[in-house]
């Protein structure tokens, strides 16, 4: 399918600054896979306090970016835009591994594969890479629920 801009991503995700952690969707296929980008810049608010002498993106925020990419794939597969009446929650994580630090100037390329999607609950395999090297990987569970 067509790449998606930051503005188009915000039509699906309820997150807003500073918590939207995806900049672009470069490719996706419903019920199959999605590739998203997160440009990591030195002016991210978390860098002020997360190792000021050696800035590193917190692992939990890398996982959150991966969860947002998984949510985008699930929402796109369901054809569900943000309506203010439901949220696609991040509800589980298995096998998370952190392989290398993510630093200012890096670009996270997040690849998500849908393993299953049933009754609004999705299981996804997500891998975040920098310059082709795996930075973080995990299996994620997300669930669409009314607010």
C-alpha atoms as a PDB file:
ATOM      1  CA  UNK A   1       0.000   0.000   0.000  1.00  0.00           C
ATOM      2  CA  UNK A   2       0.929   3.666  -0.165  1.00  0.00           C
ATOM      3  CA  UNK A   3       3.463   5.192   2.252  1.00  0.00           C
ATOM      4  CA  UNK A   4       1.912   7.333   4.988  1.00  0.00           C
ATOM      5  CA  UNK A   5       2.943  10.741   6.285  1.00  0.00           C
ATOM      6  CA  UNK A   6       3.086  11.881   9.904  1.00  0.00           C
ATOM      7  CA  UNK A   7      -0.293  13.626   9.453  1.00  0.00           C
ATOM      8  CA  UNK A   8      -1.876  10.426   8.134  1.00  0.00           C
ATOM      9  CA  UNK A   9      -0.447   8.428  11.067  1.00  0.00           C
ATOM     10  CA  UNK A  10      -2.206  10.824  13.468  1.00  0.00           C
ATOM     11  CA  UNK A  11      -5.542   9.907  11.844  1.00  0.00           C
ATOM     12  CA  UNK A  12      -5.110   6.392  13.296  1.00  0.00           C
ATOM     13  CA  UNK A  13      -3.134   6.828  16.526  1.00  0.00           C
ATOM     14  CA  UNK A  14      -4.493   8.920  19.408  1.00  0.00           C
ATOM     15  CA  UNK A  15      -0.930   9.858  20.498  1.00  0.00           C
ATOM     16  CA  UNK A  16       0.279  13.456  20.197  1.00  0.00           C
ATOM     17  CA  UNK A  17       3.532  15.293  20.845  1.00  0.00           C
ATOM     18  CA  UNK A  18       5.758  14.343  22.544  1.00  0.00           C
ATOM     19  CA  UNK A  19       4.473  10.774  22.449  1.00  0.00           C
ATOM     20  CA  UNK A  20       3.943  10.089  18.752  1.00  0.00           C
ATOM     21  CA  UNK A  21       7.062   8.017  18.073  1.00  0.00           C
ATOM     22  CA  UNK A  22       6.595   7.314  14.360  1.00  0.00           C
ATOM     23  CA  UNK A  23       7.536   9.763  11.621  1.00  0.00           C
ATOM     24  CA  UNK A  24       6.508   7.826   8.527  1.00  0.00           C
ATOM     25  CA  UNK A  25       5.141   4.526   7.285  1.00  0.00           C
ATOM     26  CA  UNK A  26       7.196   3.508   4.258  1.00  0.00           C
ATOM     27  CA  UNK A  27       5.277   0.369   3.353  1.00  0.00           C
ATOM     28  CA  UNK A  28       2.489  -1.818   4.625  1.00  0.00           C
ATOM     29  CA  UNK A  29       0.245  -4.637   3.577  1.00  0.00           C
ATOM     30  CA  UNK A  30      -2.934  -5.320   5.552  1.00  0.00           C
ATOM     31  CA  UNK A  31      -2.749  -8.442   7.727  1.00  0.00           C
ATOM     32  CA  UNK A  32       0.899  -8.987   6.726  1.00  0.00           C
ATOM     33  CA  UNK A  33       3.580  -6.429   7.532  1.00  0.00           C
ATOM     34  CA  UNK A  34       4.473  -2.767   8.013  1.00  0.00           C
ATOM     35  CA  UNK A  35       7.710  -0.763   7.961  1.00  0.00           C
ATOM     36  CA  UNK A  36       7.880   2.526   9.871  1.00  0.00           C
ATOM     37  CA  UNK A  37      10.568   5.139  10.501  1.00  0.00           C
ATOM     38  CA  UNK A  38      11.481   7.012  13.665  1.00  0.00           C
ATOM     39  CA  UNK A  39      14.112   9.726  13.240  1.00  0.00           C
ATOM     40  CA  UNK A  40      15.908  10.077  16.556  1.00  0.00           C
ATOM     41  CA  UNK A  41      16.989  13.687  17.056  1.00  0.00           C
ATOM     42  CA  UNK A  42      19.151  15.343  19.711  1.00  0.00           C
ATOM     43  CA  UNK A  43      16.264  17.587  20.772  1.00  0.00           C
ATOM     44  CA  UNK A  44      14.047  14.696  21.977  1.00  0.00           C
ATOM     45  CA  UNK A  45      12.881  15.666  25.487  1.00  0.00           C
ATOM     46  CA  UNK A  46      14.096  12.405  27.078  1.00  0.00           C
ATOM     47  CA  UNK A  47      17.738  13.028  26.120  1.00  0.00           C
ATOM     48  CA  UNK A  48      18.026  15.838  28.693  1.00  0.00           C
ATOM     49  CA  UNK A  49      17.877  13.340  31.534  1.00  0.00           C
ATOM     50  CA  UNK A  50      18.692   9.948  30.012  1.00  0.00           C
ATOM     51  CA  UNK A  51      22.456   9.853  30.278  1.00  0.00           C
ATOM     52  CA  UNK A  52      23.243  13.517  29.442  1.00  0.00           C
ATOM     53  CA  UNK A  53      26.940  12.592  29.100  1.00  0.00           C
ATOM     54  CA  UNK A  54      26.108   9.781  26.614  1.00  0.00           C
ATOM     55  CA  UNK A  55      22.618  10.232  25.176  1.00  0.00           C
ATOM     56  CA  UNK A  56      20.772   6.929  24.668  1.00  0.00           C
ATOM     57  CA  UNK A  57      17.112   6.471  23.702  1.00  0.00           C
ATOM     58  CA  UNK A  58      15.371   4.663  26.586  1.00  0.00           C
ATOM     59  CA  UNK A  59      14.566   1.048  25.743  1.00  0.00           C
ATOM     60  CA  UNK A  60      10.974   1.468  26.877  1.00  0.00           C
ATOM     61  CA  UNK A  61      10.506   4.199  24.261  1.00  0.00           C
ATOM     62  CA  UNK A  62      11.970   1.984  21.538  1.00  0.00           C
ATOM     63  CA  UNK A  63       9.434  -0.667  22.591  1.00  0.00           C
ATOM     64  CA  UNK A  64       6.700   2.005  22.546  1.00  0.00           C
ATOM     65  CA  UNK A  65       7.685   3.008  18.987  1.00  0.00           C
ATOM     66  CA  UNK A  66       7.501  -0.665  18.004  1.00  0.00           C
ATOM     67  CA  UNK A  67       4.091  -0.956  19.718  1.00  0.00           C
ATOM     68  CA  UNK A  68       2.844   2.102  17.820  1.00  0.00           C
ATOM     69  CA  UNK A  69       4.009   0.501  14.557  1.00  0.00           C
ATOM     70  CA  UNK A  70       2.208  -2.732  15.520  1.00  0.00           C
ATOM     71  CA  UNK A  71      -0.906  -0.715  16.386  1.00  0.00           C
ATOM     72  CA  UNK A  72      -0.743   0.990  12.990  1.00  0.00           C
ATOM     73  CA  UNK A  73      -0.627  -2.384  11.234  1.00  0.00           C
ATOM     74  CA  UNK A  74      -3.532  -3.681  13.327  1.00  0.00           C
ATOM     75  CA  UNK A  75      -5.615  -0.530  12.812  1.00  0.00           C
ATOM     76  CA  UNK A  76      -4.884  -0.407   9.088  1.00  0.00           C
ATOM     77  CA  UNK A  77      -5.763  -4.115   8.781  1.00  0.00           C
ATOM     78  CA  UNK A  78      -9.030  -3.492  10.635  1.00  0.00           C
ATOM     79  CA  UNK A  79      -9.708  -0.293   8.666  1.00  0.00           C
ATOM     80  CA  UNK A  80     -10.124   1.546  11.975  1.00  0.00           C
ATOM     81  CA  UNK A  81      -9.199   5.232  12.290  1.00  0.00           C
ATOM     82  CA  UNK A  82      -9.062   7.006  15.663  1.00  0.00           C
ATOM     83  CA  UNK A  83     -12.668   7.820  16.563  1.00  0.00           C
ATOM     84  CA  UNK A  84     -12.205   8.796  20.208  1.00  0.00           C
ATOM     85  CA  UNK A  85     -14.369   5.841  21.230  1.00  0.00           C
ATOM     86  CA  UNK A  86     -11.723   3.128  21.365  1.00  0.00           C
ATOM     87  CA  UNK A  87      -7.991   2.655  21.884  1.00  0.00           C
ATOM     88  CA  UNK A  88      -5.648   0.015  20.493  1.00  0.00           C
ATOM     89  CA  UNK A  89      -3.838  -0.802  23.743  1.00  0.00           C
ATOM     90  CA  UNK A  90      -0.383  -2.341  24.065  1.00  0.00           C
ATOM     91  CA  UNK A  91      -1.203  -5.311  26.333  1.00  0.00           C
ATOM     92  CA  UNK A  92       1.744  -7.696  26.271  1.00  0.00           C
ATOM     93  CA  UNK A  93       5.374  -8.260  25.398  1.00  0.00           C
ATOM     94  CA  UNK A  94       7.452 -11.418  25.014  1.00  0.00           C
ATOM     95  CA  UNK A  95      11.104 -12.002  24.218  1.00  0.00           C
ATOM     96  CA  UNK A  96      12.251  -8.376  24.271  1.00  0.00           C
ATOM     97  CA  UNK A  97      15.951  -8.059  23.528  1.00  0.00           C
ATOM     98  CA  UNK A  98      18.070  -4.915  23.337  1.00  0.00           C
ATOM     99  CA  UNK A  99      21.069  -5.450  21.075  1.00  0.00           C
ATOM    100  CA  UNK A 100      22.591  -1.974  20.662  1.00  0.00           C
ATOM    101  CA  UNK A 101      22.028   1.568  21.928  1.00  0.00           C
ATOM    102  CA  UNK A 102      20.006   4.042  19.869  1.00  0.00           C
ATOM    103  CA  UNK A 103      21.535   7.523  19.828  1.00  0.00           C
ATOM    104  CA  UNK A 104      20.762  10.983  18.453  1.00  0.00           C
ATOM    105  CA  UNK A 105      21.104  10.999  14.672  1.00  0.00           C
ATOM    106  CA  UNK A 106      20.015   7.374  14.302  1.00  0.00           C
ATOM    107  CA  UNK A 107      17.022   6.364  12.238  1.00  0.00           C
ATOM    108  CA  UNK A 108      15.010   3.458  13.619  1.00  0.00           C
ATOM    109  CA  UNK A 109      13.587   1.287  10.869  1.00  0.00           C
ATOM    110  CA  UNK A 110      10.806  -0.674  12.532  1.00  0.00           C
ATOM    111  CA  UNK A 111       9.560  -3.804  10.758  1.00  0.00           C
ATOM    112  CA  UNK A 112       6.384  -5.401  12.086  1.00  0.00           C
ATOM    113  CA  UNK A 113       4.972  -8.753  11.002  1.00  0.00           C
ATOM    114  CA  UNK A 114       1.420  -9.672  11.943  1.00  0.00           C
ATOM    115  CA  UNK A 115       1.368 -13.158  13.431  1.00  0.00           C
ATOM    116  CA  UNK A 116      -2.376 -13.168  14.096  1.00  0.00           C
ATOM    117  CA  UNK A 117      -5.329 -10.797  14.426  1.00  0.00           C
ATOM    118  CA  UNK A 118      -8.641 -11.974  15.837  1.00  0.00           C
ATOM    119  CA  UNK A 119     -11.495 -10.097  17.535  1.00  0.00           C
ATOM    120  CA  UNK A 120      -9.394  -6.938  17.691  1.00  0.00           C
ATOM    121  CA  UNK A 121      -6.441  -8.644  19.423  1.00  0.00           C
ATOM    122  CA  UNK A 122      -3.217  -8.791  17.441  1.00  0.00           C
ATOM    123  CA  UNK A 123       0.103 -10.531  17.973  1.00  0.00           C
ATOM    124  CA  UNK A 124       3.068  -9.032  16.155  1.00  0.00           C
ATOM    125  CA  UNK A 125       6.779  -9.696  15.725  1.00  0.00           C
ATOM    126  CA  UNK A 126       8.652  -6.389  15.734  1.00  0.00           C
ATOM    127  CA  UNK A 127      12.281  -5.613  14.966  1.00  0.00           C
ATOM    128  CA  UNK A 128      13.865  -2.155  15.175  1.00  0.00           C
ATOM    129  CA  UNK A 129      17.095  -1.675  13.214  1.00  0.00           C
ATOM    130  CA  UNK A 130      19.650   1.103  12.887  1.00  0.00           C
ATOM    131  CA  UNK A 131      21.847   1.020   9.770  1.00  0.00           C
ATOM    132  CA  UNK A 132      20.694  -2.564   9.158  1.00  0.00           C
ATOM    133  CA  UNK A 133      21.777  -3.799  12.612  1.00  0.00           C
ATOM    134  CA  UNK A 134      19.146  -5.048  15.057  1.00  0.00           C
ATOM    135  CA  UNK A 135      18.719  -2.627  17.962  1.00  0.00           C
ATOM    136  CA  UNK A 136      15.631  -4.164  19.599  1.00  0.00           C
ATOM    137  CA  UNK A 137      13.266  -7.057  18.936  1.00  0.00           C
ATOM    138  CA  UNK A 138      10.143  -8.381  20.643  1.00  0.00           C
ATOM    139  CA  UNK A 139       6.757 -10.011  20.175  1.00  0.00           C
ATOM    140  CA  UNK A 140       3.935  -7.619  21.046  1.00  0.00           C
ATOM    141  CA  UNK A 141       0.237  -8.022  21.845  1.00  0.00           C
ATOM    142  CA  UNK A 142      -2.245  -5.208  21.170  1.00  0.00           C
ATOM    143  CA  UNK A 143      -5.988  -5.094  21.727  1.00  0.00           C
ATOM    144  CA  UNK A 144      -8.710  -2.756  20.414  1.00  0.00           C
ATOM    145  CA  UNK A 145     -10.970  -1.819  23.329  1.00  0.00           C
ATOM    146  CA  UNK A 146     -13.685   0.787  23.930  1.00  0.00           C
ATOM    147  CA  UNK A 147     -12.720   3.789  26.041  1.00  0.00           C
END
